[in-house]
Amino acid sequence: MSSASKRKGSGAERDVVAWLKANGYKYVDRRLAGATLDKGDISGIPGVTIEIKNHAKMDLAGWLAELEIEMKNDNAWTGAVIHKRKGKGDVSEWYASMPAQVWLELLKKADGET
């Protein structure tokens, strides 16, 4: 990964951390790179894996496959890929994607089924 790409990705991670903290998740932080098992980019919300992407070209299938592996590594019950929306600096206008099965589990938990 080039240093420009690394800076772009790190900046997006910092933006998401700041946004989550501003929305009440005071313990979130960026995970340090280099762990044996990748558990996503953001820590601090138990049971939730968060992967951040800031790419010009979208690879949703690849990103979701990566998320599913990271969720297993993180022993998480849910997770999402937050990816930057072109031309939008405000994280609340970015996209959050997850496999449909993960979304279904989220719905069940919201309904009190799990």
N, C-alpha and C. Protein backbone atom coordinates (compact mmCIF):
# COMPACT_ATOMS: atom_id res chain seq x y z
N MET A 1 0.85 -1.18 0.00
CA MET A 1 0.00 0.00 0.00
C MET A 1 0.89 1.24 0.00
N SER A 2 0.59 2.17 -0.87
CA SER A 2 1.39 3.39 -0.92
C SER A 2 1.13 4.25 0.30
N SER A 3 2.06 5.14 0.58
CA SER A 3 1.88 6.01 1.75
C SER A 3 0.67 6.94 1.57
N ALA A 4 0.39 7.33 0.33
CA ALA A 4 -0.80 8.18 0.08
C ALA A 4 -2.07 7.39 0.39
N SER A 5 -2.13 6.13 -0.01
CA SER A 5 -3.29 5.28 0.27
C SER A 5 -3.43 5.04 1.76
N LYS A 6 -2.30 4.83 2.42
CA LYS A 6 -2.30 4.60 3.87
C LYS A 6 -2.82 5.84 4.60
N ARG A 7 -2.36 7.02 4.17
CA ARG A 7 -2.84 8.27 4.79
C ARG A 7 -4.34 8.45 4.57
N LYS A 8 -4.79 8.13 3.37
CA LYS A 8 -6.21 8.25 3.04
C LYS A 8 -7.05 7.31 3.94
N GLY A 9 -6.60 6.08 4.08
CA GLY A 9 -7.30 5.11 4.92
C GLY A 9 -7.26 5.49 6.39
N SER A 10 -6.09 5.92 6.86
CA SER A 10 -5.96 6.33 8.26
C SER A 10 -6.83 7.54 8.56
N GLY A 11 -6.91 8.47 7.62
CA GLY A 11 -7.76 9.65 7.79
C GLY A 11 -9.23 9.26 7.90
N ALA A 12 -9.66 8.31 7.07
CA ALA A 12 -11.05 7.85 7.13
C ALA A 12 -11.32 7.17 8.47
N GLU A 13 -10.37 6.38 8.96
CA GLU A 13 -10.53 5.73 10.26
C GLU A 13 -10.65 6.77 11.37
N ARG A 14 -9.81 7.78 11.34
CA ARG A 14 -9.88 8.85 12.35
C ARG A 14 -11.22 9.58 12.27
N ASP A 15 -11.70 9.82 11.05
CA ASP A 15 -13.00 10.49 10.88
C ASP A 15 -14.13 9.67 11.49
N VAL A 16 -14.11 8.36 11.28
CA VAL A 16 -15.16 7.49 11.82
C VAL A 16 -15.08 7.45 13.34
N VAL A 17 -13.87 7.35 13.88
CA VAL A 17 -13.70 7.35 15.34
C VAL A 17 -14.27 8.65 15.93
N ALA A 18 -13.92 9.77 15.35
CA ALA A 18 -14.42 11.06 15.85
C ALA A 18 -15.94 11.13 15.76
N TRP A 19 -16.51 10.63 14.68
CA TRP A 19 -17.96 10.63 14.49
C TRP A 19 -18.65 9.75 15.52
N LEU A 20 -18.10 8.55 15.74
CA LEU A 20 -18.70 7.65 16.73
C LEU A 20 -18.60 8.26 18.13
N LYS A 21 -17.47 8.86 18.46
CA LYS A 21 -17.31 9.50 19.78
C LYS A 21 -18.32 10.64 19.93
N ALA A 22 -18.51 11.42 18.89
CA ALA A 22 -19.47 12.52 18.93
C ALA A 22 -20.90 12.02 19.09
N ASN A 23 -21.12 10.74 18.76
CA ASN A 23 -22.44 10.14 18.88
C ASN A 23 -22.56 9.22 20.09
N GLY A 24 -21.67 9.40 21.07
CA GLY A 24 -21.83 8.72 22.34
C GLY A 24 -20.99 7.49 22.59
N TYR A 25 -20.20 7.06 21.62
CA TYR A 25 -19.36 5.86 21.79
C TYR A 25 -17.96 6.29 22.22
N LYS A 26 -17.83 6.63 23.50
CA LYS A 26 -16.61 7.27 23.98
C LYS A 26 -15.39 6.36 24.05
N TYR A 27 -15.57 5.04 23.96
CA TYR A 27 -14.44 4.13 24.08
C TYR A 27 -13.89 3.64 22.73
N VAL A 28 -14.44 4.11 21.63
CA VAL A 28 -13.94 3.65 20.33
C VAL A 28 -12.55 4.19 20.05
N ASP A 29 -11.80 3.43 19.28
CA ASP A 29 -10.45 3.83 18.88
C ASP A 29 -10.03 3.01 17.67
N ARG A 30 -9.00 3.48 17.02
CA ARG A 30 -8.45 2.73 15.89
C ARG A 30 -7.65 1.55 16.43
N ARG A 31 -7.77 0.41 15.78
CA ARG A 31 -6.95 -0.74 16.14
C ARG A 31 -5.57 -0.55 15.54
N LEU A 32 -4.58 -1.03 16.24
CA LEU A 32 -3.22 -0.97 15.71
C LEU A 32 -3.05 -2.03 14.64
N ALA A 33 -2.39 -1.68 13.56
CA ALA A 33 -2.14 -2.63 12.47
C ALA A 33 -1.09 -3.64 12.91
N GLY A 34 -1.10 -4.80 12.26
CA GLY A 34 -0.07 -5.79 12.51
C GLY A 34 -0.49 -6.92 13.42
N ALA A 35 -1.74 -6.96 13.84
CA ALA A 35 -2.21 -8.06 14.68
C ALA A 35 -2.21 -9.35 13.88
N THR A 36 -2.02 -10.46 14.57
CA THR A 36 -2.02 -11.77 13.91
C THR A 36 -3.36 -12.03 13.24
N LEU A 37 -4.44 -11.79 13.97
CA LEU A 37 -5.79 -11.96 13.43
C LEU A 37 -6.43 -10.59 13.28
N ASP A 38 -6.80 -10.25 12.05
CA ASP A 38 -7.44 -8.96 11.80
C ASP A 38 -8.85 -8.97 12.39
N LYS A 39 -9.15 -8.00 13.23
CA LYS A 39 -10.45 -7.89 13.88
C LYS A 39 -11.18 -6.61 13.49
N GLY A 40 -10.81 -6.02 12.34
CA GLY A 40 -11.44 -4.78 11.90
C GLY A 40 -10.60 -3.58 12.27
N ASP A 41 -11.07 -2.41 11.87
CA ASP A 41 -10.30 -1.18 12.03
C ASP A 41 -10.62 -0.40 13.31
N ILE A 42 -11.80 -0.61 13.87
CA ILE A 42 -12.24 0.17 15.02
C ILE A 42 -12.56 -0.77 16.18
N SER A 43 -12.09 -0.44 17.36
CA SER A 43 -12.40 -1.21 18.56
C SER A 43 -13.20 -0.35 19.52
N GLY A 44 -13.73 -0.97 20.57
CA GLY A 44 -14.39 -0.21 21.63
C GLY A 44 -15.89 -0.38 21.72
N ILE A 45 -16.49 -1.15 20.82
CA ILE A 45 -17.91 -1.47 20.92
C ILE A 45 -17.99 -3.00 20.97
N PRO A 46 -18.15 -3.57 22.16
CA PRO A 46 -18.13 -5.03 22.30
C PRO A 46 -19.14 -5.72 21.39
N GLY A 47 -18.67 -6.77 20.71
CA GLY A 47 -19.53 -7.55 19.83
C GLY A 47 -19.73 -6.98 18.45
N VAL A 48 -19.07 -5.85 18.16
CA VAL A 48 -19.25 -5.17 16.87
C VAL A 48 -17.90 -5.02 16.17
N THR A 49 -17.84 -5.48 14.93
CA THR A 49 -16.64 -5.32 14.11
C THR A 49 -16.92 -4.23 13.08
N ILE A 50 -15.98 -3.29 12.97
CA ILE A 50 -16.13 -2.19 12.01
C ILE A 50 -14.89 -2.14 11.12
N GLU A 51 -15.12 -2.23 9.82
CA GLU A 51 -14.07 -2.11 8.82
C GLU A 51 -14.31 -0.81 8.07
N ILE A 52 -13.26 -0.03 7.84
CA ILE A 52 -13.38 1.26 7.17
C ILE A 52 -12.72 1.18 5.80
N LYS A 53 -13.38 1.72 4.79
CA LYS A 53 -12.82 1.75 3.44
C LYS A 53 -12.96 3.15 2.85
N ASN A 54 -11.89 3.58 2.18
CA ASN A 54 -11.88 4.87 1.48
C ASN A 54 -11.17 4.64 0.16
N HIS A 55 -11.90 4.11 -0.81
CA HIS A 55 -11.33 3.76 -2.12
C HIS A 55 -12.15 4.41 -3.23
N ALA A 56 -11.48 4.76 -4.31
CA ALA A 56 -12.19 5.31 -5.47
C ALA A 56 -13.06 4.23 -6.12
N LYS A 57 -12.55 2.99 -6.15
CA LYS A 57 -13.28 1.88 -6.76
C LYS A 57 -13.83 0.98 -5.68
N MET A 58 -15.12 0.72 -5.74
CA MET A 58 -15.77 -0.10 -4.73
C MET A 58 -15.58 -1.58 -5.03
N ASP A 59 -15.28 -2.36 -3.99
CA ASP A 59 -15.18 -3.82 -4.07
C ASP A 59 -16.03 -4.40 -2.95
N LEU A 60 -17.32 -4.19 -3.04
CA LEU A 60 -18.23 -4.56 -1.96
C LEU A 60 -18.15 -6.04 -1.61
N ALA A 61 -18.11 -6.91 -2.61
CA ALA A 61 -18.04 -8.35 -2.33
C ALA A 61 -16.77 -8.69 -1.55
N GLY A 62 -15.66 -8.14 -1.96
CA GLY A 62 -14.40 -8.38 -1.27
C GLY A 62 -14.40 -7.80 0.14
N TRP A 63 -14.95 -6.61 0.29
CA TRP A 63 -15.00 -5.96 1.59
C TRP A 63 -15.87 -6.74 2.57
N LEU A 64 -17.03 -7.25 2.08
CA LEU A 64 -17.92 -8.00 2.95
C LEU A 64 -17.33 -9.35 3.33
N ALA A 65 -16.61 -9.97 2.41
CA ALA A 65 -15.91 -11.22 2.72
C ALA A 65 -14.86 -10.96 3.81
N GLU A 66 -14.14 -9.86 3.69
CA GLU A 66 -13.16 -9.47 4.70
C GLU A 66 -13.84 -9.24 6.04
N LEU A 67 -14.98 -8.55 6.04
CA LEU A 67 -15.72 -8.29 7.27
C LEU A 67 -16.12 -9.59 7.96
N GLU A 68 -16.62 -10.55 7.20
CA GLU A 68 -17.07 -11.81 7.80
C GLU A 68 -15.92 -12.54 8.49
N ILE A 69 -14.74 -12.52 7.91
CA ILE A 69 -13.55 -13.12 8.53
C ILE A 69 -13.20 -12.36 9.80
N GLU A 70 -13.21 -11.04 9.71
CA GLU A 70 -12.87 -10.21 10.87
C GLU A 70 -13.87 -10.38 12.01
N MET A 71 -15.15 -10.54 11.68
CA MET A 71 -16.16 -10.77 12.71
C MET A 71 -15.88 -12.08 13.46
N LYS A 72 -15.50 -13.11 12.72
CA LYS A 72 -15.15 -14.38 13.37
C LYS A 72 -13.92 -14.20 14.26
N ASN A 73 -12.90 -13.52 13.73
CA ASN A 73 -11.68 -13.27 14.51
C ASN A 73 -11.98 -12.46 15.77
N ASP A 74 -12.96 -11.55 15.68
CA ASP A 74 -13.31 -10.64 16.76
C ASP A 74 -14.38 -11.23 17.69
N ASN A 75 -14.89 -12.42 17.33
CA ASN A 75 -15.98 -13.05 18.08
C ASN A 75 -17.15 -12.08 18.22
N ALA A 76 -17.47 -11.40 17.12
CA ALA A 76 -18.51 -10.37 17.10
C ALA A 76 -19.84 -10.94 16.62
N TRP A 77 -20.92 -10.41 17.13
CA TRP A 77 -22.24 -10.85 16.69
C TRP A 77 -22.75 -10.01 15.52
N THR A 78 -22.15 -8.84 15.30
CA THR A 78 -22.55 -7.99 14.18
C THR A 78 -21.36 -7.17 13.71
N GLY A 79 -21.51 -6.53 12.57
CA GLY A 79 -20.45 -5.70 12.04
C GLY A 79 -20.88 -5.02 10.76
N ALA A 80 -20.07 -4.09 10.31
CA ALA A 80 -20.37 -3.36 9.08
C ALA A 80 -19.08 -2.83 8.48
N VAL A 81 -19.13 -2.67 7.17
CA VAL A 81 -18.08 -1.96 6.45
C VAL A 81 -18.61 -0.54 6.26
N ILE A 82 -17.91 0.43 6.80
CA ILE A 82 -18.27 1.83 6.57
C ILE A 82 -17.37 2.33 5.47
N HIS A 83 -17.97 2.74 4.35
CA HIS A 83 -17.16 3.19 3.23
C HIS A 83 -17.54 4.60 2.83
N LYS A 84 -16.48 5.33 2.56
CA LYS A 84 -16.63 6.76 2.24
C LYS A 84 -17.42 6.93 0.95
N ARG A 85 -18.30 7.89 1.01
CA ARG A 85 -19.11 8.24 -0.16
C ARG A 85 -18.41 9.38 -0.90
N LYS A 86 -18.21 9.20 -2.17
CA LYS A 86 -17.49 10.19 -2.97
C LYS A 86 -18.13 11.57 -2.82
N GLY A 87 -17.28 12.55 -2.52
CA GLY A 87 -17.72 13.93 -2.41
C GLY A 87 -18.38 14.28 -1.08
N LYS A 88 -18.41 13.33 -0.13
CA LYS A 88 -19.06 13.56 1.15
C LYS A 88 -18.04 13.45 2.27
N GLY A 89 -17.77 14.54 2.95
CA GLY A 89 -16.82 14.54 4.05
C GLY A 89 -17.45 14.15 5.38
N ASP A 90 -18.76 14.32 5.50
CA ASP A 90 -19.47 14.01 6.74
C ASP A 90 -19.73 12.51 6.81
N VAL A 91 -19.18 11.86 7.84
CA VAL A 91 -19.30 10.41 7.97
C VAL A 91 -20.77 9.97 8.00
N SER A 92 -21.65 10.78 8.53
CA SER A 92 -23.06 10.40 8.58
C SER A 92 -23.67 10.24 7.19
N GLU A 93 -22.98 10.72 6.16
CA GLU A 93 -23.45 10.57 4.78
C GLU A 93 -22.72 9.45 4.03
N TRP A 94 -21.82 8.75 4.71
CA TRP A 94 -21.13 7.61 4.11
C TRP A 94 -22.08 6.41 4.12
N TYR A 95 -21.60 5.29 3.59
CA TYR A 95 -22.41 4.08 3.55
C TYR A 95 -21.93 3.07 4.59
N ALA A 96 -22.86 2.30 5.12
CA ALA A 96 -22.54 1.16 5.99
C ALA A 96 -23.16 -0.07 5.34
N SER A 97 -22.32 -1.06 5.04
CA SER A 97 -22.79 -2.27 4.35
C SER A 97 -22.49 -3.49 5.20
N MET A 98 -23.37 -4.47 5.08
CA MET A 98 -23.17 -5.74 5.79
C MET A 98 -23.85 -6.85 5.01
N PRO A 99 -23.41 -8.10 5.21
CA PRO A 99 -24.11 -9.21 4.57
C PRO A 99 -25.55 -9.28 5.09
N ALA A 100 -26.47 -9.73 4.26
CA ALA A 100 -27.89 -9.78 4.64
C ALA A 100 -28.10 -10.61 5.91
N GLN A 101 -27.36 -11.70 6.10
CA GLN A 101 -27.51 -12.52 7.29
C GLN A 101 -27.13 -11.74 8.55
N VAL A 102 -26.11 -10.91 8.46
CA VAL A 102 -25.70 -10.08 9.59
C VAL A 102 -26.79 -9.05 9.88
N TRP A 103 -27.36 -8.48 8.83
CA TRP A 103 -28.45 -7.51 8.98
C TRP A 103 -29.67 -8.17 9.63
N LEU A 104 -29.99 -9.42 9.22
CA LEU A 104 -31.11 -10.15 9.79
C LEU A 104 -30.91 -10.36 11.29
N GLU A 105 -29.69 -10.72 11.70
CA GLU A 105 -29.39 -10.89 13.12
C GLU A 105 -29.57 -9.58 13.88
N LEU A 106 -29.19 -8.48 13.25
CA LEU A 106 -29.39 -7.16 13.85
C LEU A 106 -30.88 -6.87 14.05
N LEU A 107 -31.69 -7.20 13.04
CA LEU A 107 -33.15 -7.01 13.15
C LEU A 107 -33.73 -7.86 14.27
N LYS A 108 -33.28 -9.11 14.34
CA LYS A 108 -33.80 -10.00 15.38
C LYS A 108 -33.44 -9.47 16.77
N LYS A 109 -32.23 -8.98 16.91
CA LYS A 109 -31.82 -8.44 18.21
C LYS A 109 -32.66 -7.19 18.54
N ALA A 110 -32.92 -6.36 17.54
CA ALA A 110 -33.73 -5.15 17.75
C ALA A 110 -35.15 -5.52 18.17
N ASP A 111 -35.64 -6.66 17.66
CA ASP A 111 -36.99 -7.13 18.00
C ASP A 111 -37.00 -7.95 19.29
N GLY A 112 -35.83 -8.14 19.92
CA GLY A 112 -35.76 -8.89 21.15
C GLY A 112 -35.79 -10.40 20.98
N GLU A 113 -35.52 -10.86 19.76
CA GLU A 113 -35.58 -12.31 19.49
C GLU A 113 -34.30 -13.03 19.90
N THR A 114 -33.18 -12.32 19.97
CA THR A 114 -31.94 -13.01 20.34
C THR A 114 -31.29 -12.36 21.53
